[in-house]
Amino acid sequence: MAFTATKIKITGIIEVKTGLHIGGDASFSAIGAIDLPVVRDPLTRGPVIPGSTLKGKLRTLLARQFGSLPAKGVAGFESDAVEVLRLFGSSKKGSDAAGTGIQQSRLMFKDAFLVNKDALPQTFETKFENTIDRLTAVANPRQIERVVRGAKFDLEIVYNVENADQIEKDFENIQLAFDLLRNDYLGGGGTRGNGRVDLTDIEAQVATGDLATAIPELR
């Protein structure tokens, strides 16, 4: 009988509470056009939250919580706490638990796509911002595109079971990362009100393989 790796699928909804801006391609902008557009699905032209954006944000929040963010000017994630490394991985050789190989990420993130377009009066909005030079008083206006509040995206993360004894602790840290995100923001301009989100309808279930113990609850 072939060995089947055990994978736990975590699903839910990412609900936008304030306009969300995750930057797309702004290499060309016609006169009067949006200065900072959002990233779009090339097939539907609808908004998308890249899996890399969600992974990077959750990792950063958790690393900060563990006090393991790298010092300024230091590249890479090698200084992350072991709890963060085993969830999000590291490309440095010798960073795994045995100290002999590369630490594989236990979490795999899917791009999140809009699921309630028909329930929204519109998908995008334009936010006008203006920066003022404090010395010259010269204004620098710009237009930022945002996904409207009320937009909902499908959340899907797969957790690879590598050590059954560490599932409970790993899920505690996943829950912590979710809670931190609820009190932080996604995308750009978060300190100016953008990108507040909530995570709802969180469920976790075995997708492949077997699990002898119950899956820890996530919310």
N, C-alpha and C. Protein backbone atom coordinates (compact mmCIF):
# COMPACT_ATOMS: atom_id res chain seq x y z
N MET A 1 0.84 -1.20 0.00
CA MET A 1 0.00 0.00 0.00
C MET A 1 0.88 1.25 0.00
N ALA A 2 0.61 2.16 -0.92
CA ALA A 2 1.42 3.36 -1.03
C ALA A 2 1.17 4.29 0.16
N PHE A 3 2.23 4.97 0.58
CA PHE A 3 2.12 5.91 1.69
C PHE A 3 1.42 7.18 1.22
N THR A 4 0.46 7.64 2.00
CA THR A 4 -0.26 8.87 1.68
C THR A 4 0.01 9.90 2.78
N ALA A 5 0.62 11.00 2.40
CA ALA A 5 0.92 12.04 3.37
C ALA A 5 -0.39 12.63 3.90
N THR A 6 -0.39 12.91 5.18
CA THR A 6 -1.58 13.51 5.79
C THR A 6 -1.54 15.02 5.61
N LYS A 7 -2.60 15.54 5.05
CA LYS A 7 -2.73 16.98 4.84
C LYS A 7 -4.05 17.45 5.45
N ILE A 8 -4.01 18.57 6.13
CA ILE A 8 -5.21 19.17 6.71
C ILE A 8 -5.51 20.46 5.95
N LYS A 9 -6.72 20.55 5.42
CA LYS A 9 -7.11 21.74 4.67
C LYS A 9 -7.86 22.70 5.59
N ILE A 10 -7.37 23.95 5.62
CA ILE A 10 -7.99 25.02 6.41
C ILE A 10 -8.68 25.96 5.43
N THR A 11 -9.98 26.15 5.60
CA THR A 11 -10.74 27.01 4.71
C THR A 11 -11.49 28.07 5.51
N GLY A 12 -11.90 29.10 4.83
CA GLY A 12 -12.66 30.18 5.48
C GLY A 12 -12.88 31.33 4.53
N ILE A 13 -13.23 32.47 5.09
CA ILE A 13 -13.51 33.67 4.32
C ILE A 13 -12.67 34.82 4.86
N ILE A 14 -12.04 35.56 3.94
CA ILE A 14 -11.37 36.81 4.29
C ILE A 14 -12.33 37.94 3.93
N GLU A 15 -12.85 38.64 4.92
CA GLU A 15 -13.81 39.71 4.68
C GLU A 15 -13.13 41.07 4.84
N VAL A 16 -13.25 41.90 3.83
CA VAL A 16 -12.64 43.22 3.84
C VAL A 16 -13.50 44.18 4.66
N LYS A 17 -12.90 44.79 5.67
CA LYS A 17 -13.61 45.73 6.54
C LYS A 17 -13.39 47.19 6.15
N THR A 18 -12.22 47.50 5.64
CA THR A 18 -11.95 48.83 5.08
C THR A 18 -11.25 48.61 3.75
N GLY A 19 -11.35 49.60 2.85
CA GLY A 19 -10.81 49.44 1.51
C GLY A 19 -9.43 48.78 1.49
N LEU A 20 -9.27 47.77 0.63
CA LEU A 20 -8.05 46.96 0.58
C LEU A 20 -7.22 47.31 -0.65
N HIS A 21 -5.94 47.65 -0.43
CA HIS A 21 -5.04 47.93 -1.54
C HIS A 21 -3.85 46.99 -1.49
N ILE A 22 -3.81 46.04 -2.43
CA ILE A 22 -2.63 45.21 -2.64
C ILE A 22 -2.16 45.54 -4.05
N GLY A 23 -1.01 46.19 -4.16
CA GLY A 23 -0.57 46.81 -5.40
C GLY A 23 -0.36 45.87 -6.55
N GLY A 24 -0.79 46.33 -7.74
CA GLY A 24 -0.56 45.62 -8.98
C GLY A 24 0.46 46.33 -9.83
N ASP A 25 0.39 46.12 -11.15
CA ASP A 25 1.35 46.70 -12.08
C ASP A 25 0.98 48.14 -12.38
N ALA A 26 1.87 49.07 -12.02
CA ALA A 26 1.66 50.49 -12.31
C ALA A 26 2.74 51.02 -13.23
N SER A 27 3.29 50.12 -14.08
CA SER A 27 4.38 50.52 -14.95
C SER A 27 3.93 51.51 -16.03
N PHE A 28 2.62 51.45 -16.37
CA PHE A 28 2.08 52.42 -17.33
C PHE A 28 0.81 53.03 -16.75
N SER A 29 0.73 54.34 -16.80
CA SER A 29 -0.46 55.01 -16.29
C SER A 29 -0.77 56.21 -17.19
N ALA A 30 -1.94 56.16 -17.86
CA ALA A 30 -2.34 57.26 -18.72
C ALA A 30 -2.68 58.48 -17.88
N ILE A 31 -2.67 59.64 -18.49
CA ILE A 31 -3.01 60.87 -17.78
C ILE A 31 -4.43 60.77 -17.22
N GLY A 32 -4.56 61.04 -15.92
CA GLY A 32 -5.86 60.97 -15.28
C GLY A 32 -6.23 59.59 -14.78
N ALA A 33 -5.39 58.59 -15.06
CA ALA A 33 -5.68 57.23 -14.63
C ALA A 33 -5.28 57.02 -13.18
N ILE A 34 -5.66 55.86 -12.63
CA ILE A 34 -5.28 55.48 -11.27
C ILE A 34 -3.76 55.41 -11.17
N ASP A 35 -3.20 56.03 -10.14
CA ASP A 35 -1.75 56.00 -9.95
C ASP A 35 -1.29 54.65 -9.41
N LEU A 36 -2.09 54.09 -8.46
CA LEU A 36 -1.70 52.85 -7.81
C LEU A 36 -2.85 51.86 -7.91
N PRO A 37 -2.90 51.02 -8.96
CA PRO A 37 -3.96 50.04 -9.11
C PRO A 37 -3.72 48.83 -8.21
N VAL A 38 -4.79 48.05 -8.02
CA VAL A 38 -4.65 46.82 -7.23
C VAL A 38 -4.30 45.67 -8.15
N VAL A 39 -3.78 44.59 -7.57
CA VAL A 39 -3.45 43.40 -8.34
C VAL A 39 -4.74 42.71 -8.76
N ARG A 40 -4.76 42.19 -9.98
CA ARG A 40 -5.96 41.57 -10.54
C ARG A 40 -5.69 40.17 -11.06
N ASP A 41 -6.73 39.36 -11.05
CA ASP A 41 -6.70 38.05 -11.70
C ASP A 41 -6.66 38.29 -13.21
N PRO A 42 -5.64 37.81 -13.93
CA PRO A 42 -5.54 38.09 -15.37
C PRO A 42 -6.69 37.49 -16.19
N LEU A 43 -7.39 36.50 -15.67
CA LEU A 43 -8.48 35.88 -16.41
C LEU A 43 -9.80 36.64 -16.25
N THR A 44 -10.13 37.02 -15.02
CA THR A 44 -11.42 37.67 -14.76
C THR A 44 -11.31 39.17 -14.60
N ARG A 45 -10.10 39.68 -14.39
CA ARG A 45 -9.82 41.08 -14.08
C ARG A 45 -10.40 41.49 -12.74
N GLY A 46 -10.82 40.51 -11.95
CA GLY A 46 -11.29 40.78 -10.61
C GLY A 46 -10.13 40.83 -9.63
N PRO A 47 -10.37 41.32 -8.43
CA PRO A 47 -9.30 41.44 -7.44
C PRO A 47 -8.88 40.07 -6.92
N VAL A 48 -7.66 39.97 -6.47
CA VAL A 48 -7.14 38.73 -5.90
C VAL A 48 -6.19 39.08 -4.76
N ILE A 49 -6.19 38.26 -3.73
CA ILE A 49 -5.20 38.37 -2.66
C ILE A 49 -4.18 37.27 -2.90
N PRO A 50 -2.98 37.58 -3.37
CA PRO A 50 -1.99 36.55 -3.64
C PRO A 50 -1.66 35.74 -2.38
N GLY A 51 -1.48 34.44 -2.58
CA GLY A 51 -1.10 33.60 -1.44
C GLY A 51 0.19 34.06 -0.80
N SER A 52 1.11 34.61 -1.62
CA SER A 52 2.39 35.09 -1.09
C SER A 52 2.18 36.28 -0.16
N THR A 53 1.17 37.12 -0.47
CA THR A 53 0.88 38.27 0.39
C THR A 53 0.38 37.81 1.75
N LEU A 54 -0.56 36.86 1.74
CA LEU A 54 -1.12 36.36 3.00
C LEU A 54 -0.06 35.62 3.81
N LYS A 55 0.73 34.79 3.14
CA LYS A 55 1.78 34.04 3.84
C LYS A 55 2.80 34.99 4.47
N GLY A 56 3.24 35.97 3.68
CA GLY A 56 4.24 36.90 4.19
C GLY A 56 3.74 37.70 5.36
N LYS A 57 2.47 38.13 5.31
CA LYS A 57 1.92 38.92 6.40
C LYS A 57 1.79 38.10 7.67
N LEU A 58 1.25 36.89 7.56
CA LEU A 58 1.09 36.05 8.74
C LEU A 58 2.45 35.69 9.33
N ARG A 59 3.41 35.43 8.47
CA ARG A 59 4.75 35.09 8.97
C ARG A 59 5.36 36.27 9.72
N THR A 60 5.26 37.45 9.14
CA THR A 60 5.84 38.64 9.78
C THR A 60 5.20 38.91 11.13
N LEU A 61 3.86 38.81 11.19
CA LEU A 61 3.16 39.05 12.46
C LEU A 61 3.58 38.06 13.52
N LEU A 62 3.70 36.78 13.13
CA LEU A 62 4.08 35.76 14.09
C LEU A 62 5.53 35.90 14.52
N ALA A 63 6.40 36.22 13.56
CA ALA A 63 7.81 36.41 13.90
C ALA A 63 7.98 37.59 14.86
N ARG A 64 7.22 38.65 14.62
CA ARG A 64 7.29 39.80 15.51
C ARG A 64 6.81 39.42 16.92
N GLN A 65 5.77 38.60 16.97
CA GLN A 65 5.24 38.16 18.26
C GLN A 65 6.27 37.35 19.04
N PHE A 66 7.06 36.54 18.31
CA PHE A 66 8.10 35.74 18.95
C PHE A 66 9.41 36.51 19.11
N GLY A 67 9.43 37.76 18.67
CA GLY A 67 10.64 38.57 18.80
C GLY A 67 11.77 38.11 17.93
N SER A 68 11.44 37.54 16.74
CA SER A 68 12.50 36.95 15.91
C SER A 68 12.63 37.62 14.55
N LEU A 69 12.12 38.85 14.38
CA LEU A 69 12.34 39.55 13.12
C LEU A 69 13.83 39.83 12.95
N PRO A 70 14.37 39.69 11.72
CA PRO A 70 15.80 39.95 11.52
C PRO A 70 16.15 41.41 11.75
N ALA A 71 17.39 41.64 12.11
CA ALA A 71 17.86 43.00 12.32
C ALA A 71 17.84 43.77 11.00
N LYS A 72 17.79 45.08 11.09
CA LYS A 72 17.75 45.92 9.89
C LYS A 72 18.97 45.65 9.02
N GLY A 73 18.71 45.43 7.73
CA GLY A 73 19.79 45.17 6.79
C GLY A 73 20.17 43.71 6.66
N VAL A 74 19.55 42.84 7.47
CA VAL A 74 19.83 41.41 7.40
C VAL A 74 18.75 40.74 6.57
N ALA A 75 19.15 40.06 5.49
CA ALA A 75 18.19 39.42 4.61
C ALA A 75 17.85 38.02 5.10
N GLY A 76 16.70 37.52 4.63
CA GLY A 76 16.34 36.13 4.93
C GLY A 76 15.56 35.98 6.21
N PHE A 77 15.18 34.73 6.46
CA PHE A 77 14.32 34.41 7.59
C PHE A 77 15.02 33.48 8.59
N GLU A 78 16.33 33.38 8.49
CA GLU A 78 17.05 32.40 9.30
C GLU A 78 16.94 32.66 10.79
N SER A 79 16.68 33.91 11.17
CA SER A 79 16.62 34.23 12.59
C SER A 79 15.24 34.01 13.19
N ASP A 80 14.26 33.57 12.36
CA ASP A 80 12.92 33.32 12.89
C ASP A 80 12.95 32.22 13.94
N ALA A 81 12.02 32.31 14.88
CA ALA A 81 11.89 31.28 15.92
C ALA A 81 11.57 29.94 15.26
N VAL A 82 11.93 28.86 15.91
CA VAL A 82 11.72 27.53 15.34
C VAL A 82 10.25 27.27 15.07
N GLU A 83 9.37 27.83 15.90
CA GLU A 83 7.93 27.65 15.68
C GLU A 83 7.48 28.29 14.38
N VAL A 84 8.13 29.40 14.00
CA VAL A 84 7.82 30.10 12.76
C VAL A 84 8.44 29.37 11.58
N LEU A 85 9.66 28.92 11.74
CA LEU A 85 10.37 28.23 10.66
C LEU A 85 9.64 26.97 10.22
N ARG A 86 9.13 26.20 11.16
CA ARG A 86 8.49 24.94 10.75
C ARG A 86 7.13 25.17 10.10
N LEU A 87 6.50 26.31 10.36
CA LEU A 87 5.24 26.62 9.68
C LEU A 87 5.48 27.23 8.31
N PHE A 88 6.48 28.12 8.20
CA PHE A 88 6.66 28.90 6.99
C PHE A 88 7.92 28.56 6.21
N GLY A 89 8.83 27.78 6.80
CA GLY A 89 9.99 27.30 6.07
C GLY A 89 11.16 28.26 6.01
N SER A 90 12.27 27.75 5.46
CA SER A 90 13.48 28.53 5.26
C SER A 90 14.30 27.88 4.17
N SER A 91 14.89 28.70 3.29
CA SER A 91 15.69 28.17 2.18
C SER A 91 17.14 27.95 2.56
N LYS A 92 17.50 28.26 3.81
CA LYS A 92 18.89 28.10 4.25
C LYS A 92 19.16 26.65 4.61
N LYS A 93 20.24 26.09 4.08
CA LYS A 93 20.61 24.73 4.42
C LYS A 93 20.99 24.64 5.89
N GLY A 94 20.52 23.59 6.53
CA GLY A 94 20.79 23.42 7.94
C GLY A 94 19.76 24.05 8.83
N SER A 95 18.67 24.58 8.25
CA SER A 95 17.65 25.25 9.05
C SER A 95 16.54 24.30 9.50
N ASP A 96 16.60 23.04 9.04
CA ASP A 96 15.57 22.10 9.47
C ASP A 96 15.87 21.59 10.87
N ALA A 97 14.94 20.79 11.41
CA ALA A 97 15.08 20.33 12.79
C ALA A 97 16.35 19.52 13.01
N ALA A 98 16.77 18.76 11.98
CA ALA A 98 17.97 17.94 12.11
C ALA A 98 19.25 18.72 11.86
N GLY A 99 19.11 19.94 11.35
CA GLY A 99 20.29 20.76 11.08
C GLY A 99 21.08 20.31 9.88
N THR A 100 20.44 19.54 8.98
CA THR A 100 21.16 18.99 7.82
C THR A 100 20.58 19.42 6.49
N GLY A 101 19.39 19.99 6.47
CA GLY A 101 18.76 20.33 5.21
C GLY A 101 17.98 21.64 5.28
N ILE A 102 17.18 21.86 4.25
CA ILE A 102 16.34 23.04 4.16
C ILE A 102 15.02 22.79 4.89
N GLN A 103 14.55 23.78 5.62
CA GLN A 103 13.29 23.64 6.35
C GLN A 103 12.12 23.85 5.39
N GLN A 104 11.36 22.80 5.15
CA GLN A 104 10.19 22.90 4.28
C GLN A 104 9.03 23.56 5.03
N SER A 105 8.28 24.38 4.33
CA SER A 105 7.10 25.01 4.92
C SER A 105 6.01 23.97 5.12
N ARG A 106 5.39 23.96 6.30
CA ARG A 106 4.27 23.07 6.54
C ARG A 106 2.96 23.66 6.03
N LEU A 107 2.96 24.94 5.73
CA LEU A 107 1.77 25.61 5.25
C LEU A 107 1.90 25.94 3.77
N MET A 108 0.84 25.64 3.02
CA MET A 108 0.77 25.98 1.60
C MET A 108 -0.44 26.88 1.39
N PHE A 109 -0.23 28.04 0.78
CA PHE A 109 -1.27 29.04 0.64
C PHE A 109 -1.78 29.12 -0.80
N LYS A 110 -3.09 29.24 -0.96
CA LYS A 110 -3.70 29.44 -2.27
C LYS A 110 -4.03 30.91 -2.45
N ASP A 111 -3.91 31.39 -3.69
CA ASP A 111 -4.41 32.73 -3.98
C ASP A 111 -5.89 32.80 -3.61
N ALA A 112 -6.31 33.92 -3.03
CA ALA A 112 -7.69 34.08 -2.59
C ALA A 112 -8.45 34.93 -3.61
N PHE A 113 -9.59 34.40 -4.10
CA PHE A 113 -10.37 35.07 -5.13
C PHE A 113 -11.70 35.57 -4.56
N LEU A 114 -12.23 36.61 -5.18
CA LEU A 114 -13.49 37.21 -4.76
C LEU A 114 -14.64 36.22 -4.94
N VAL A 115 -15.48 36.08 -3.91
CA VAL A 115 -16.57 35.10 -3.97
C VAL A 115 -17.96 35.73 -3.89
N ASN A 116 -18.04 37.03 -3.67
CA ASN A 116 -19.37 37.65 -3.54
C ASN A 116 -19.54 38.87 -4.43
N LYS A 117 -19.00 38.80 -5.63
CA LYS A 117 -19.08 39.93 -6.55
C LYS A 117 -20.53 40.37 -6.79
N ASP A 118 -21.43 39.41 -6.96
CA ASP A 118 -22.82 39.76 -7.27
C ASP A 118 -23.52 40.48 -6.12
N ALA A 119 -22.99 40.35 -4.90
CA ALA A 119 -23.62 41.00 -3.74
C ALA A 119 -23.09 42.41 -3.51
N LEU A 120 -22.13 42.83 -4.31
CA LEU A 120 -21.52 44.14 -4.13
C LEU A 120 -22.03 45.13 -5.17
N PRO A 121 -22.31 46.37 -4.78
CA PRO A 121 -22.72 47.37 -5.77
C PRO A 121 -21.59 47.71 -6.73
N GLN A 122 -20.37 47.59 -6.28
CA GLN A 122 -19.17 47.78 -7.09
C GLN A 122 -18.03 47.04 -6.44
N THR A 123 -16.99 46.75 -7.21
CA THR A 123 -15.86 45.97 -6.69
C THR A 123 -14.70 46.86 -6.26
N PHE A 124 -14.51 47.96 -6.99
CA PHE A 124 -13.36 48.83 -6.73
C PHE A 124 -13.83 50.25 -6.38
N GLU A 125 -12.97 50.96 -5.69
CA GLU A 125 -13.20 52.37 -5.40
C GLU A 125 -11.88 53.11 -5.55
N THR A 126 -11.96 54.41 -5.69
CA THR A 126 -10.76 55.24 -5.79
C THR A 126 -10.65 56.11 -4.55
N LYS A 127 -9.51 56.03 -3.91
CA LYS A 127 -9.25 56.86 -2.74
C LYS A 127 -8.24 57.94 -3.14
N PHE A 128 -8.61 59.18 -2.92
CA PHE A 128 -7.72 60.30 -3.25
C PHE A 128 -6.89 60.65 -2.01
N GLU A 129 -5.59 60.71 -2.19
CA GLU A 129 -4.68 61.09 -1.12
C GLU A 129 -3.82 62.25 -1.58
N ASN A 130 -3.31 63.00 -0.62
CA ASN A 130 -2.49 64.16 -0.93
C ASN A 130 -1.39 64.28 0.11
N THR A 131 -0.14 64.24 -0.34
CA THR A 131 0.98 64.47 0.57
C THR A 131 1.49 65.89 0.38
N ILE A 132 1.83 66.53 1.49
CA ILE A 132 2.30 67.92 1.46
C ILE A 132 3.74 67.97 1.95
N ASP A 133 4.61 68.54 1.13
CA ASP A 133 6.00 68.75 1.55
C ASP A 133 6.01 69.77 2.69
N ARG A 134 6.55 69.41 3.84
CA ARG A 134 6.50 70.28 5.01
C ARG A 134 7.36 71.54 4.85
N LEU A 135 8.36 71.47 3.98
CA LEU A 135 9.23 72.63 3.80
C LEU A 135 8.73 73.57 2.72
N THR A 136 8.24 73.01 1.60
CA THR A 136 7.84 73.84 0.46
C THR A 136 6.33 74.00 0.34
N ALA A 137 5.57 73.17 1.07
CA ALA A 137 4.10 73.19 1.00
C ALA A 137 3.58 72.74 -0.36
N VAL A 138 4.44 72.11 -1.16
CA VAL A 138 4.02 71.60 -2.47
C VAL A 138 3.19 70.33 -2.28
N ALA A 139 2.04 70.28 -2.96
CA ALA A 139 1.15 69.13 -2.84
C ALA A 139 1.50 68.07 -3.88
N ASN A 140 1.33 66.81 -3.51
CA ASN A 140 1.56 65.69 -4.42
C ASN A 140 0.35 64.77 -4.36
N PRO A 141 -0.71 65.10 -5.10
CA PRO A 141 -1.92 64.28 -5.06
C PRO A 141 -1.74 62.96 -5.80
N ARG A 142 -2.49 61.96 -5.40
CA ARG A 142 -2.45 60.67 -6.07
C ARG A 142 -3.78 59.95 -5.87
N GLN A 143 -4.05 58.99 -6.76
CA GLN A 143 -5.26 58.21 -6.69
C GLN A 143 -4.90 56.75 -6.42
N ILE A 144 -5.48 56.20 -5.36
CA ILE A 144 -5.20 54.82 -4.98
C ILE A 144 -6.46 53.97 -5.18
N GLU A 145 -6.29 52.89 -5.91
CA GLU A 145 -7.42 51.98 -6.11
C GLU A 145 -7.52 51.01 -4.94
N ARG A 146 -8.74 50.76 -4.48
CA ARG A 146 -8.96 49.83 -3.39
C ARG A 146 -10.12 48.89 -3.71
N VAL A 147 -10.08 47.70 -3.14
CA VAL A 147 -11.23 46.80 -3.16
C VAL A 147 -12.17 47.27 -2.06
N VAL A 148 -13.45 47.34 -2.36
CA VAL A 148 -14.41 47.94 -1.43
C VAL A 148 -14.62 47.06 -0.19
N ARG A 149 -15.00 47.73 0.90
CA ARG A 149 -15.34 46.99 2.12
C ARG A 149 -16.57 46.13 1.85
N GLY A 150 -16.61 44.98 2.49
CA GLY A 150 -17.68 44.02 2.26
C GLY A 150 -17.31 42.94 1.27
N ALA A 151 -16.22 43.14 0.53
CA ALA A 151 -15.74 42.10 -0.38
C ALA A 151 -15.26 40.89 0.42
N LYS A 152 -15.53 39.70 -0.12
CA LYS A 152 -15.15 38.46 0.56
C LYS A 152 -14.32 37.60 -0.38
N PHE A 153 -13.26 37.04 0.17
CA PHE A 153 -12.34 36.20 -0.60
C PHE A 153 -12.27 34.82 0.05
N ASP A 154 -12.06 33.79 -0.78
CA ASP A 154 -11.97 32.43 -0.26
C ASP A 154 -10.58 32.15 0.30
N LEU A 155 -10.53 31.75 1.55
CA LEU A 155 -9.27 31.40 2.21
C LEU A 155 -9.05 29.90 2.12
N GLU A 156 -7.86 29.51 1.69
CA GLU A 156 -7.53 28.07 1.66
C GLU A 156 -6.04 27.89 1.95
N ILE A 157 -5.76 27.18 3.01
CA ILE A 157 -4.39 26.86 3.42
C ILE A 157 -4.31 25.36 3.68
N VAL A 158 -3.27 24.73 3.22
CA VAL A 158 -3.06 23.30 3.48
C VAL A 158 -1.89 23.15 4.45
N TYR A 159 -2.14 22.41 5.52
CA TYR A 159 -1.11 22.12 6.53
C TYR A 159 -0.63 20.70 6.33
N ASN A 160 0.67 20.54 6.12
CA ASN A 160 1.27 19.22 5.96
C ASN A 160 1.67 18.67 7.33
N VAL A 161 1.14 17.51 7.68
CA VAL A 161 1.47 16.89 8.96
C VAL A 161 2.82 16.20 8.84
N GLU A 162 3.80 16.72 9.56
CA GLU A 162 5.13 16.11 9.57
C GLU A 162 5.44 15.46 10.91
N ASN A 163 4.86 16.00 11.97
CA ASN A 163 5.06 15.47 13.31
C ASN A 163 3.74 15.60 14.06
N ALA A 164 3.07 14.46 14.29
CA ALA A 164 1.75 14.49 14.93
C ALA A 164 1.80 15.11 16.31
N ASP A 165 2.94 15.00 16.99
CA ASP A 165 3.07 15.56 18.33
C ASP A 165 3.12 17.09 18.32
N GLN A 166 3.35 17.69 17.15
CA GLN A 166 3.48 19.14 17.07
C GLN A 166 2.24 19.81 16.46
N ILE A 167 1.23 19.03 16.09
CA ILE A 167 0.04 19.60 15.46
C ILE A 167 -0.64 20.61 16.37
N GLU A 168 -0.85 20.22 17.63
CA GLU A 168 -1.57 21.11 18.54
C GLU A 168 -0.85 22.44 18.70
N LYS A 169 0.46 22.40 18.87
CA LYS A 169 1.23 23.64 19.04
C LYS A 169 1.24 24.44 17.75
N ASP A 170 1.38 23.76 16.61
CA ASP A 170 1.35 24.47 15.34
C ASP A 170 0.02 25.18 15.13
N PHE A 171 -1.08 24.51 15.48
CA PHE A 171 -2.39 25.12 15.30
C PHE A 171 -2.61 26.27 16.29
N GLU A 172 -2.02 26.19 17.45
CA GLU A 172 -2.07 27.32 18.38
C GLU A 172 -1.40 28.55 17.75
N ASN A 173 -0.29 28.32 17.06
CA ASN A 173 0.42 29.43 16.43
C ASN A 173 -0.30 29.93 15.19
N ILE A 174 -0.96 29.04 14.46
CA ILE A 174 -1.78 29.47 13.33
C ILE A 174 -2.93 30.36 13.83
N GLN A 175 -3.57 29.93 14.93
CA GLN A 175 -4.64 30.71 15.52
C GLN A 175 -4.12 32.08 15.98
N LEU A 176 -2.94 32.08 16.57
CA LEU A 176 -2.33 33.33 17.01
C LEU A 176 -2.11 34.26 15.83
N ALA A 177 -1.61 33.71 14.72
CA ALA A 177 -1.37 34.52 13.52
C ALA A 177 -2.68 35.09 12.99
N PHE A 178 -3.74 34.29 12.99
CA PHE A 178 -5.06 34.78 12.55
C PHE A 178 -5.53 35.94 13.44
N ASP A 179 -5.39 35.77 14.75
CA ASP A 179 -5.83 36.81 15.68
C ASP A 179 -5.02 38.10 15.50
N LEU A 180 -3.73 37.95 15.26
CA LEU A 180 -2.88 39.12 15.03
C LEU A 180 -3.29 39.85 13.76
N LEU A 181 -3.62 39.09 12.70
CA LEU A 181 -4.05 39.71 11.45
C LEU A 181 -5.35 40.47 11.63
N ARG A 182 -6.26 39.93 12.42
CA ARG A 182 -7.54 40.62 12.66
C ARG A 182 -7.33 41.99 13.30
N ASN A 183 -6.21 42.16 13.96
CA ASN A 183 -5.92 43.43 14.63
C ASN A 183 -4.79 44.18 13.95
N ASP A 184 -4.54 43.84 12.69
CA ASP A 184 -3.51 44.51 11.91
C ASP A 184 -4.13 44.86 10.55
N TYR A 185 -3.43 44.61 9.46
CA TYR A 185 -3.98 44.93 8.14
C TYR A 185 -3.27 44.13 7.06
N LEU A 186 -3.92 44.04 5.91
CA LEU A 186 -3.33 43.44 4.71
C LEU A 186 -3.06 44.54 3.69
N GLY A 187 -2.01 44.35 2.90
CA GLY A 187 -1.73 45.29 1.82
C GLY A 187 -1.08 46.57 2.30
N GLY A 188 -1.21 47.61 1.47
CA GLY A 188 -0.55 48.87 1.76
C GLY A 188 -1.46 49.89 2.42
N GLY A 189 -0.84 50.86 3.05
CA GLY A 189 -1.57 51.97 3.65
C GLY A 189 -2.34 51.61 4.90
N GLY A 190 -1.91 50.57 5.59
CA GLY A 190 -2.64 50.11 6.77
C GLY A 190 -2.69 51.12 7.89
N THR A 191 -1.63 51.91 8.05
CA THR A 191 -1.63 52.92 9.11
C THR A 191 -2.53 54.11 8.77
N ARG A 192 -2.98 54.15 7.51
CA ARG A 192 -3.89 55.22 7.08
C ARG A 192 -5.32 54.70 6.92
N GLY A 193 -5.58 53.52 7.45
CA GLY A 193 -6.94 53.02 7.45
C GLY A 193 -7.25 51.91 6.46
N ASN A 194 -6.34 51.62 5.55
CA ASN A 194 -6.59 50.58 4.56
C ASN A 194 -6.44 49.18 5.15
N GLY A 195 -7.06 48.21 4.51
CA GLY A 195 -6.72 46.81 4.68
C GLY A 195 -7.13 46.11 5.95
N ARG A 196 -8.10 46.64 6.69
CA ARG A 196 -8.58 45.90 7.86
C ARG A 196 -9.43 44.73 7.37
N VAL A 197 -9.17 43.55 7.89
CA VAL A 197 -9.90 42.36 7.45
C VAL A 197 -10.33 41.53 8.65
N ASP A 198 -11.30 40.66 8.41
CA ASP A 198 -11.70 39.67 9.40
C ASP A 198 -11.65 38.31 8.74
N LEU A 199 -11.43 37.28 9.53
CA LEU A 199 -11.44 35.90 9.05
C LEU A 199 -12.64 35.21 9.67
N THR A 200 -13.50 34.65 8.83
CA THR A 200 -14.72 34.03 9.32
C THR A 200 -14.88 32.62 8.73
N ASP A 201 -15.83 31.88 9.31
CA ASP A 201 -16.18 30.53 8.82
C ASP A 201 -14.96 29.63 8.69
N ILE A 202 -14.05 29.71 9.65
CA ILE A 202 -12.83 28.92 9.61
C ILE A 202 -13.13 27.45 9.93
N GLU A 203 -12.70 26.56 9.06
CA GLU A 203 -12.87 25.12 9.27
C GLU A 203 -11.57 24.41 8.90
N ALA A 204 -11.32 23.29 9.55
CA ALA A 204 -10.15 22.48 9.25
C ALA A 204 -10.58 21.02 9.19
N GLN A 205 -10.16 20.33 8.15
CA GLN A 205 -10.51 18.92 8.00
C GLN A 205 -9.40 18.18 7.26
N VAL A 206 -9.30 16.88 7.50
CA VAL A 206 -8.29 16.07 6.83
C VAL A 206 -8.62 15.99 5.35
N ALA A 207 -7.64 16.35 4.51
CA ALA A 207 -7.83 16.31 3.06
C ALA A 207 -7.30 15.02 2.46
N THR A 208 -6.16 14.54 2.95
CA THR A 208 -5.59 13.27 2.50
C THR A 208 -4.96 12.57 3.70
N GLY A 209 -4.84 11.25 3.63
CA GLY A 209 -4.22 10.49 4.70
C GLY A 209 -5.14 10.30 5.89
N ASP A 210 -4.54 9.91 6.99
CA ASP A 210 -5.28 9.64 8.23
C ASP A 210 -4.67 10.42 9.38
N LEU A 211 -5.50 10.68 10.38
CA LEU A 211 -5.05 11.38 11.57
C LEU A 211 -5.68 10.71 12.78
N ALA A 212 -4.83 10.24 13.70
CA ALA A 212 -5.32 9.48 14.85
C ALA A 212 -5.97 10.37 15.90
N THR A 213 -5.62 11.64 15.91
CA THR A 213 -6.16 12.55 16.91
C THR A 213 -7.09 13.58 16.26
N ALA A 214 -7.88 14.25 17.08
CA ALA A 214 -8.78 15.27 16.58
C ALA A 214 -7.99 16.51 16.13
N ILE A 215 -8.50 17.17 15.10
CA ILE A 215 -7.86 18.39 14.64
C ILE A 215 -8.17 19.53 15.61
N PRO A 216 -7.15 20.25 16.08
CA PRO A 216 -7.41 21.38 16.98
C PRO A 216 -8.34 22.40 16.32
N GLU A 217 -9.19 23.01 17.10
CA GLU A 217 -10.16 23.96 16.58
C GLU A 217 -9.51 25.28 16.23
N LEU A 218 -9.94 25.85 15.09
CA LEU A 218 -9.53 27.18 14.68
C LEU A 218 -10.78 28.05 14.58
N ARG A 219 -10.61 29.33 14.79
CA ARG A 219 -11.75 30.24 14.69
C ARG A 219 -11.33 31.54 14.00
